[in-house]
């Protein structure tokens, strides 16, 4: 089988390393799926996604003159642009001014919650410190 950049073929995972997985392609050649090409999400441990002897479809993304073959699983499984969630669609229909107003309101609420939380950890608005000072003076 002739391998060309852009072809999608099925291979078998023959080895796993911290940086990616080695996949044997039809014809006996072996290529590397770099860890960044395994999934759309961040991949901390490749073993969460692949194990040896797994059959998987891969896309050939590079062919080196030294015989190195770059592969991608991510480009096979992702179908076009990422889909937006329900929330994103609703927000995209909002005008910029509405989005900005909403952001400012939520930001103010968060700031007041953080300030309130910090005050509670200190024991109120400095009242605890005055009590301590008054007790020392006696």
N, C-alpha and C. Protein backbone atom coordinates (compact mmCIF):
# COMPACT_ATOMS: atom_id res chain seq x y z
N UNK A 1 0.84 -1.18 0.00
CA UNK A 1 0.00 0.00 0.00
C UNK A 1 0.89 1.24 0.00
N UNK A 2 0.57 2.20 -0.85
CA UNK A 2 1.32 3.44 -0.93
C UNK A 2 0.77 4.43 0.09
N UNK A 3 1.64 4.94 0.92
CA UNK A 3 1.23 5.89 1.95
C UNK A 3 1.41 7.31 1.43
N UNK A 4 0.36 8.12 1.58
CA UNK A 4 0.41 9.52 1.17
C UNK A 4 -0.16 10.38 2.28
N UNK A 5 0.35 11.60 2.40
CA UNK A 5 -0.16 12.53 3.39
C UNK A 5 -1.64 12.78 3.10
N UNK A 6 -2.46 12.68 4.14
CA UNK A 6 -3.90 12.88 4.00
C UNK A 6 -4.69 11.58 3.99
N UNK A 7 -4.03 10.45 3.72
CA UNK A 7 -4.72 9.15 3.72
C UNK A 7 -5.14 8.79 5.14
N UNK A 8 -6.29 8.12 5.23
CA UNK A 8 -6.76 7.59 6.50
C UNK A 8 -6.69 6.07 6.40
N UNK A 9 -5.93 5.47 7.32
CA UNK A 9 -5.74 4.02 7.30
C UNK A 9 -5.97 3.46 8.70
N UNK A 10 -6.15 2.16 8.77
CA UNK A 10 -6.30 1.51 10.07
C UNK A 10 -5.01 0.84 10.44
N UNK A 11 -4.60 1.03 11.70
CA UNK A 11 -3.36 0.43 12.17
C UNK A 11 -3.54 -0.18 13.55
N UNK A 12 -2.48 -0.79 14.04
CA UNK A 12 -2.48 -1.44 15.34
C UNK A 12 -1.43 -0.78 16.22
N UNK A 13 -1.84 -0.41 17.44
CA UNK A 13 -0.90 0.20 18.39
C UNK A 13 0.07 -0.89 18.85
N UNK A 14 1.37 -0.63 18.61
CA UNK A 14 2.38 -1.63 18.97
C UNK A 14 3.25 -1.19 20.13
N UNK A 15 3.19 0.08 20.47
CA UNK A 15 3.99 0.56 21.59
C UNK A 15 3.47 1.89 22.09
N UNK A 16 3.65 2.12 23.40
CA UNK A 16 3.20 3.37 24.00
C UNK A 16 4.36 3.97 24.77
N UNK A 17 4.58 5.27 24.56
CA UNK A 17 5.61 6.01 25.29
C UNK A 17 4.94 7.25 25.90
N UNK A 18 5.68 7.96 26.74
CA UNK A 18 5.12 9.17 27.36
C UNK A 18 4.74 10.22 26.32
N UNK A 19 5.43 10.25 25.21
CA UNK A 19 5.23 11.28 24.19
C UNK A 19 4.29 10.88 23.07
N UNK A 20 3.85 9.61 23.02
CA UNK A 20 2.96 9.19 21.95
C UNK A 20 2.84 7.69 21.84
N UNK A 21 2.23 7.26 20.74
CA UNK A 21 2.02 5.83 20.51
C UNK A 21 2.55 5.44 19.13
N UNK A 22 3.14 4.27 19.06
CA UNK A 22 3.63 3.74 17.80
C UNK A 22 2.55 2.85 17.20
N UNK A 23 2.25 3.09 15.93
CA UNK A 23 1.19 2.36 15.25
C UNK A 23 1.76 1.70 14.01
N UNK A 24 1.55 0.39 13.89
CA UNK A 24 1.97 -0.34 12.70
C UNK A 24 0.86 -0.24 11.67
N UNK A 25 1.23 0.20 10.48
CA UNK A 25 0.27 0.43 9.40
C UNK A 25 0.23 -0.77 8.46
N UNK A 26 -0.79 -0.84 7.59
CA UNK A 26 -0.79 -1.90 6.59
C UNK A 26 0.48 -1.78 5.74
N UNK A 27 1.13 -2.87 5.52
CA UNK A 27 2.39 -2.85 4.79
C UNK A 27 3.58 -2.98 5.72
N UNK A 28 3.32 -2.98 7.04
CA UNK A 28 4.39 -3.21 7.99
C UNK A 28 5.14 -1.99 8.48
N UNK A 29 4.88 -0.82 7.92
CA UNK A 29 5.60 0.37 8.37
C UNK A 29 4.99 0.87 9.68
N UNK A 30 5.84 1.51 10.49
CA UNK A 30 5.39 2.02 11.78
C UNK A 30 5.48 3.53 11.79
N UNK A 31 4.43 4.16 12.33
CA UNK A 31 4.40 5.61 12.47
C UNK A 31 4.14 6.00 13.91
N UNK A 32 4.27 7.28 14.19
CA UNK A 32 4.08 7.79 15.55
C UNK A 32 2.89 8.73 15.61
N UNK A 33 2.01 8.47 16.58
CA UNK A 33 0.94 9.41 16.90
C UNK A 33 1.44 10.18 18.11
N UNK A 34 1.81 11.45 17.90
CA UNK A 34 2.28 12.27 19.02
C UNK A 34 1.14 12.46 20.00
N UNK A 35 1.45 12.64 21.27
CA UNK A 35 0.42 12.77 22.31
C UNK A 35 -0.55 13.92 22.02
N UNK A 36 -0.08 14.96 21.34
CA UNK A 36 -0.95 16.09 21.01
C UNK A 36 -1.93 15.75 19.90
N UNK A 37 -1.73 14.63 19.21
CA UNK A 37 -2.60 14.23 18.11
C UNK A 37 -3.51 13.06 18.48
N UNK A 38 -3.60 12.74 19.78
CA UNK A 38 -4.43 11.62 20.21
C UNK A 38 -5.89 12.03 20.35
N UNK A 39 -6.15 13.19 20.95
CA UNK A 39 -7.53 13.62 21.19
C UNK A 39 -7.61 15.14 21.16
N UNK A 40 -8.84 15.65 21.01
CA UNK A 40 -9.05 17.10 21.03
C UNK A 40 -8.79 17.68 22.41
N UNK A 41 -9.07 16.90 23.45
CA UNK A 41 -8.87 17.35 24.82
C UNK A 41 -7.39 17.21 25.20
N UNK A 42 -7.01 17.83 26.32
CA UNK A 42 -5.65 17.69 26.83
C UNK A 42 -5.44 16.25 27.28
N UNK A 43 -4.35 15.66 26.83
CA UNK A 43 -4.04 14.27 27.17
C UNK A 43 -2.86 14.27 28.14
N UNK A 44 -3.15 13.96 29.40
CA UNK A 44 -2.09 13.91 30.41
C UNK A 44 -1.38 12.56 30.34
N UNK A 45 -2.18 11.50 30.24
CA UNK A 45 -1.61 10.15 30.17
C UNK A 45 -2.20 9.44 28.95
N UNK A 46 -1.37 9.10 28.01
CA UNK A 46 -1.83 8.49 26.76
C UNK A 46 -2.50 7.14 27.01
N UNK A 47 -2.14 6.50 28.12
CA UNK A 47 -2.72 5.19 28.44
C UNK A 47 -4.21 5.28 28.79
N UNK A 48 -4.70 6.50 29.05
CA UNK A 48 -6.13 6.70 29.28
C UNK A 48 -6.91 6.58 27.97
N UNK A 49 -6.22 6.70 26.85
CA UNK A 49 -6.87 6.69 25.54
C UNK A 49 -6.54 5.45 24.70
N UNK A 50 -5.32 4.96 24.83
CA UNK A 50 -4.88 3.84 23.99
C UNK A 50 -4.17 2.78 24.82
N UNK A 51 -4.19 1.56 24.31
CA UNK A 51 -3.38 0.49 24.89
C UNK A 51 -2.83 -0.35 23.74
N UNK A 52 -1.83 -1.13 24.04
CA UNK A 52 -1.21 -1.95 22.99
C UNK A 52 -2.23 -2.92 22.40
N UNK A 53 -2.07 -3.19 21.12
CA UNK A 53 -2.92 -4.07 20.31
C UNK A 53 -4.28 -3.47 19.98
N UNK A 54 -4.53 -2.20 20.34
CA UNK A 54 -5.76 -1.53 19.91
C UNK A 54 -5.69 -1.29 18.41
N UNK A 55 -6.83 -1.51 17.75
CA UNK A 55 -6.94 -1.15 16.33
C UNK A 55 -7.53 0.25 16.29
N UNK A 56 -6.93 1.13 15.49
CA UNK A 56 -7.40 2.50 15.42
C UNK A 56 -7.18 3.07 14.03
N UNK A 57 -8.07 3.98 13.65
CA UNK A 57 -7.90 4.69 12.38
C UNK A 57 -7.02 5.90 12.62
N UNK A 58 -6.08 6.11 11.71
CA UNK A 58 -5.15 7.23 11.81
C UNK A 58 -5.06 7.95 10.47
N UNK A 59 -4.75 9.22 10.56
CA UNK A 59 -4.53 10.01 9.35
C UNK A 59 -3.04 10.27 9.24
N UNK A 60 -2.52 10.10 8.06
CA UNK A 60 -1.10 10.36 7.82
C UNK A 60 -0.94 11.87 7.65
N UNK A 61 -0.19 12.48 8.57
CA UNK A 61 -0.04 13.94 8.51
C UNK A 61 1.35 14.37 8.04
N UNK A 62 2.32 13.45 8.08
CA UNK A 62 3.63 13.81 7.54
C UNK A 62 4.42 12.55 7.17
N UNK A 63 5.20 12.70 6.13
CA UNK A 63 6.13 11.66 5.69
C UNK A 63 7.49 12.31 5.56
N UNK A 64 8.44 11.81 6.34
CA UNK A 64 9.78 12.37 6.37
C UNK A 64 10.66 11.63 5.36
N UNK A 65 11.67 12.31 4.81
CA UNK A 65 12.57 11.65 3.86
C UNK A 65 13.40 10.57 4.54
N UNK A 66 13.49 10.64 5.89
CA UNK A 66 14.22 9.62 6.65
C UNK A 66 13.34 8.41 6.98
N UNK A 67 12.09 8.42 6.51
CA UNK A 67 11.19 7.30 6.74
C UNK A 67 10.27 7.46 7.94
N UNK A 68 10.33 8.59 8.62
CA UNK A 68 9.45 8.81 9.76
C UNK A 68 8.05 9.17 9.27
N UNK A 69 7.05 8.57 9.92
CA UNK A 69 5.66 8.79 9.53
C UNK A 69 4.93 9.42 10.71
N UNK A 70 4.38 10.61 10.48
CA UNK A 70 3.60 11.29 11.51
C UNK A 70 2.13 10.97 11.33
N UNK A 71 1.47 10.58 12.43
CA UNK A 71 0.07 10.16 12.36
C UNK A 71 -0.79 10.98 13.32
N UNK A 72 -2.10 10.99 13.06
CA UNK A 72 -3.03 11.68 13.94
C UNK A 72 -4.31 10.88 14.09
N UNK A 73 -4.73 10.68 15.32
CA UNK A 73 -6.05 10.09 15.59
C UNK A 73 -7.06 11.21 15.72
N UNK A 74 -6.62 12.31 16.31
CA UNK A 74 -7.49 13.47 16.55
C UNK A 74 -8.12 13.99 15.26
N UNK A 75 -7.35 14.04 14.18
CA UNK A 75 -7.87 14.57 12.92
C UNK A 75 -8.85 13.62 12.24
N UNK A 76 -8.84 12.36 12.63
CA UNK A 76 -9.80 11.40 12.08
C UNK A 76 -11.11 11.48 12.85
N UNK A 77 -11.01 11.59 14.18
CA UNK A 77 -12.22 11.56 15.01
C UNK A 77 -12.95 12.88 15.07
N UNK A 78 -12.24 13.99 14.93
CA UNK A 78 -12.94 15.29 14.97
C UNK A 78 -13.56 15.53 13.61
N UNK A 79 -14.84 15.79 13.63
CA UNK A 79 -15.56 15.98 12.37
C UNK A 79 -15.80 17.47 12.14
N UNK A 80 -14.87 18.10 11.47
CA UNK A 80 -15.02 19.51 11.13
C UNK A 80 -14.83 20.39 12.35
N UNK A 81 -15.41 21.60 12.29
CA UNK A 81 -15.25 22.51 13.41
C UNK A 81 -15.95 21.99 14.66
N UNK A 82 -15.43 22.37 15.81
CA UNK A 82 -16.03 21.92 17.07
C UNK A 82 -17.44 22.47 17.20
N UNK A 83 -18.30 21.63 17.74
CA UNK A 83 -19.68 22.07 17.95
C UNK A 83 -19.75 22.96 19.17
N UNK A 84 -20.58 23.96 19.07
CA UNK A 84 -20.77 24.84 20.21
C UNK A 84 -21.87 24.30 21.08
N UNK A 85 -21.72 24.51 22.36
CA UNK A 85 -22.76 24.07 23.31
C UNK A 85 -23.96 24.99 23.26
N UNK A 86 -25.00 24.62 23.99
CA UNK A 86 -26.23 25.40 24.03
C UNK A 86 -25.96 26.80 24.55
N UNK A 87 -25.15 26.90 25.56
CA UNK A 87 -24.86 28.19 26.17
C UNK A 87 -24.16 29.11 25.17
N UNK A 88 -23.22 28.59 24.41
CA UNK A 88 -22.48 29.41 23.46
C UNK A 88 -23.40 29.97 22.38
N UNK A 89 -24.33 29.15 21.92
CA UNK A 89 -25.25 29.64 20.89
C UNK A 89 -26.10 30.78 21.43
N UNK A 90 -26.57 30.65 22.66
CA UNK A 90 -27.42 31.68 23.24
C UNK A 90 -26.62 32.96 23.41
N UNK A 91 -25.39 32.86 23.86
CA UNK A 91 -24.60 34.05 24.07
C UNK A 91 -24.20 34.70 22.76
N UNK A 92 -24.01 33.92 21.72
CA UNK A 92 -23.60 34.51 20.45
C UNK A 92 -24.70 35.37 19.85
N UNK A 93 -25.96 35.16 20.26
CA UNK A 93 -27.04 35.99 19.75
C UNK A 93 -27.14 37.29 20.52
N UNK A 94 -26.42 37.41 21.64
CA UNK A 94 -26.42 38.64 22.42
C UNK A 94 -25.51 39.67 21.77
N UNK A 95 -25.86 40.94 21.92
CA UNK A 95 -24.99 41.98 21.38
C UNK A 95 -23.77 42.14 22.27
N UNK A 96 -22.78 42.82 21.76
CA UNK A 96 -21.56 43.03 22.53
C UNK A 96 -21.85 43.79 23.82
N UNK A 97 -22.69 44.81 23.73
CA UNK A 97 -23.02 45.61 24.91
C UNK A 97 -23.70 44.76 25.98
N UNK A 98 -24.60 43.85 25.54
CA UNK A 98 -25.28 42.97 26.50
C UNK A 98 -24.29 42.02 27.16
N UNK A 99 -23.38 41.48 26.37
CA UNK A 99 -22.36 40.59 26.92
C UNK A 99 -21.48 41.33 27.93
N UNK A 100 -21.10 42.56 27.58
CA UNK A 100 -20.26 43.35 28.47
C UNK A 100 -20.99 43.67 29.77
N UNK A 101 -22.25 44.06 29.67
CA UNK A 101 -23.04 44.36 30.86
C UNK A 101 -23.17 43.12 31.75
N UNK A 102 -23.41 41.98 31.15
CA UNK A 102 -23.53 40.73 31.90
C UNK A 102 -22.21 40.41 32.59
N UNK A 103 -21.10 40.56 31.87
CA UNK A 103 -19.80 40.28 32.44
C UNK A 103 -19.51 41.19 33.63
N UNK A 104 -19.77 42.49 33.48
CA UNK A 104 -19.52 43.43 34.57
C UNK A 104 -20.36 43.11 35.80
N UNK A 105 -21.62 42.74 35.59
CA UNK A 105 -22.49 42.40 36.71
C UNK A 105 -21.96 41.16 37.44
N UNK A 106 -21.61 40.11 36.68
CA UNK A 106 -21.09 38.89 37.29
C UNK A 106 -19.75 39.15 37.99
N UNK A 107 -18.92 40.00 37.40
CA UNK A 107 -17.63 40.33 37.98
C UNK A 107 -17.81 41.05 39.31
N UNK A 108 -18.73 42.02 39.36
CA UNK A 108 -19.00 42.73 40.61
C UNK A 108 -19.50 41.78 41.69
N UNK A 109 -20.38 40.83 41.30
CA UNK A 109 -20.89 39.86 42.26
C UNK A 109 -19.76 39.00 42.80
N UNK A 110 -18.88 38.56 41.93
CA UNK A 110 -17.75 37.73 42.37
C UNK A 110 -16.83 38.50 43.31
N UNK A 111 -16.56 39.76 42.95
CA UNK A 111 -15.71 40.59 43.80
C UNK A 111 -16.30 40.76 45.20
N UNK A 112 -17.59 41.03 45.27
CA UNK A 112 -18.21 41.21 46.59
C UNK A 112 -18.22 39.90 47.37
N UNK A 113 -18.42 38.77 46.69
CA UNK A 113 -18.37 37.47 47.38
C UNK A 113 -16.97 37.21 47.93
N UNK A 114 -15.95 37.50 47.13
CA UNK A 114 -14.57 37.30 47.58
C UNK A 114 -14.24 38.20 48.77
N UNK A 115 -14.68 39.46 48.72
CA UNK A 115 -14.41 40.39 49.81
C UNK A 115 -15.11 39.93 51.08
N UNK A 116 -16.36 39.50 50.94
CA UNK A 116 -17.13 39.01 52.09
C UNK A 116 -16.44 37.79 52.70
N UNK A 117 -16.00 36.89 51.86
CA UNK A 117 -15.31 35.69 52.33
C UNK A 117 -14.02 36.04 53.06
N UNK A 118 -13.26 36.97 52.52
CA UNK A 118 -12.01 37.38 53.16
C UNK A 118 -12.29 38.05 54.50
N UNK A 119 -13.33 38.86 54.57
CA UNK A 119 -13.70 39.51 55.83
C UNK A 119 -14.10 38.48 56.88
N UNK A 120 -14.84 37.46 56.47
CA UNK A 120 -15.26 36.42 57.41
C UNK A 120 -14.05 35.67 57.95
N UNK A 121 -13.05 35.42 57.13
CA UNK A 121 -11.86 34.71 57.57
C UNK A 121 -11.06 35.53 58.58
N UNK A 122 -11.12 36.85 58.44
CA UNK A 122 -10.41 37.72 59.38
C UNK A 122 -11.23 37.98 60.63
N UNK A 123 -12.45 37.52 60.63
CA UNK A 123 -13.29 37.73 61.81
C UNK A 123 -14.08 39.01 61.73
N UNK A 124 -14.52 39.34 60.58
CA UNK A 124 -15.33 40.57 60.43
C UNK A 124 -14.49 41.70 59.91
N UNK A 125 -14.94 42.91 60.14
CA UNK A 125 -14.25 44.09 59.62
C UNK A 125 -13.23 44.63 60.62
N UNK A 126 -12.34 43.80 61.04
CA UNK A 126 -11.28 44.25 61.94
C UNK A 126 -11.69 44.27 63.39
N UNK A 127 -12.90 43.85 63.72
CA UNK A 127 -13.38 43.88 65.10
C UNK A 127 -12.57 43.00 66.02
N UNK A 128 -12.10 41.90 65.54
CA UNK A 128 -11.33 40.97 66.35
C UNK A 128 -10.02 41.58 66.83
N UNK A 129 -9.42 42.39 66.02
CA UNK A 129 -8.15 43.00 66.38
C UNK A 129 -8.33 44.02 67.50
N UNK A 130 -9.39 44.83 67.42
CA UNK A 130 -9.65 45.82 68.47
C UNK A 130 -9.91 45.12 69.79
N UNK A 131 -10.64 44.03 69.77
CA UNK A 131 -10.92 43.30 71.01
C UNK A 131 -9.63 42.80 71.62
N UNK A 132 -8.74 42.32 70.80
CA UNK A 132 -7.45 41.83 71.28
C UNK A 132 -6.66 42.98 71.89
N UNK A 133 -6.63 44.11 71.21
CA UNK A 133 -5.90 45.28 71.73
C UNK A 133 -6.51 45.76 73.04
N UNK A 134 -7.85 45.78 73.15
CA UNK A 134 -8.51 46.21 74.37
C UNK A 134 -8.20 45.26 75.53
N UNK A 135 -8.14 43.95 75.25
CA UNK A 135 -7.85 42.99 76.28
C UNK A 135 -6.43 43.14 76.79
N UNK A 136 -5.51 43.48 75.92
CA UNK A 136 -4.12 43.68 76.33
C UNK A 136 -3.96 44.92 77.21
N UNK A 137 -4.77 45.93 76.92
CA UNK A 137 -4.66 47.20 77.66
C UNK A 137 -5.13 47.03 79.10
N UNK A 138 -5.98 46.10 79.37
CA UNK A 138 -6.53 45.93 80.73
C UNK A 138 -5.59 45.33 81.68
